[in-house]
Amino acid sequence: MTKLKITQTRSQIGETQKHRGTLRALGLGKIGRSVEREDTPETLGMLRKVGHLVRVDGE
């Protein structure tokens, strides 16, 4: 499967609890933090919810 590099670019302050929980589930929480995740339907669904807070680079 393809790996995705996900970087948080915006603050979670002012976001809903669901968005904050989604960021935590992705392993993010601070601006500038990056993680690598598999390109699965679950991950893509989470990214669809918090796409305005993160940058996604495919490898």
Protein backbone atom coordinates (compact mmCIF):
# COMPACT_ATOMS: atom_id res chain seq x y z
CA MET A 1 0.00 0.00 0.00
CA THR A 2 0.98 3.60 -0.49
CA LYS A 3 2.26 5.61 2.45
CA LEU A 4 0.92 9.10 3.12
CA LYS A 5 2.93 11.76 4.94
CA ILE A 6 0.50 13.88 6.95
CA THR A 7 1.62 17.19 8.48
CA GLN A 8 -0.51 19.38 10.71
CA THR A 9 -0.46 22.94 9.37
CA ARG A 10 -3.17 24.68 11.40
CA SER A 11 -4.11 24.82 15.07
CA GLN A 12 -6.87 22.70 16.54
CA ILE A 13 -8.01 25.60 18.74
CA GLY A 14 -11.60 26.49 17.92
CA GLU A 15 -12.30 23.14 16.25
CA THR A 16 -14.95 20.68 17.37
CA GLN A 17 -14.17 17.82 19.74
CA LYS A 18 -14.61 15.36 16.85
CA HIS A 19 -11.94 17.15 14.82
CA ARG A 20 -9.58 17.19 17.80
CA GLY A 21 -10.18 13.48 18.34
CA THR A 22 -9.51 12.75 14.69
CA LEU A 23 -6.18 14.60 14.87
CA ARG A 24 -5.25 12.57 17.97
CA ALA A 25 -6.22 9.33 16.21
CA LEU A 26 -3.91 10.29 13.33
CA GLY A 27 -1.09 10.90 15.82
CA LEU A 28 -1.06 14.67 15.44
CA GLY A 29 -1.74 17.47 17.89
CA LYS A 30 0.91 20.13 17.38
CA ILE A 31 1.52 22.33 14.37
CA GLY A 32 4.40 21.03 12.29
CA ARG A 33 4.19 17.45 13.54
CA SER A 34 4.28 14.81 10.81
CA VAL A 35 3.29 11.15 10.70
CA GLU A 36 3.26 8.45 8.04
CA ARG A 37 0.11 6.37 7.60
CA GLU A 38 -1.02 3.71 5.17
CA ASP A 39 -3.40 4.75 2.41
CA THR A 40 -6.49 2.94 3.73
CA PRO A 41 -10.19 3.89 3.49
CA GLU A 42 -10.20 4.62 7.22
CA THR A 43 -7.27 7.04 6.97
CA LEU A 44 -8.76 8.75 3.92
CA GLY A 45 -12.04 9.24 5.80
CA MET A 46 -10.21 10.87 8.71
CA LEU A 47 -8.31 13.12 6.31
CA ARG A 48 -11.56 14.16 4.67
CA LYS A 49 -12.79 15.41 8.07
CA VAL A 50 -9.67 17.40 9.00
CA GLY A 51 -8.34 18.23 5.55
CA HIS A 52 -8.44 21.94 6.33
CA LEU A 53 -5.94 21.43 9.19
CA VAL A 54 -3.38 19.18 7.52
CA ARG A 55 -1.18 18.83 4.42
CA VAL A 56 -0.95 15.40 2.78
CA ASP A 57 1.98 14.26 0.63
CA GLY A 58 1.83 10.89 -1.13
CA GLU A 59 4.96 8.80 -1.57
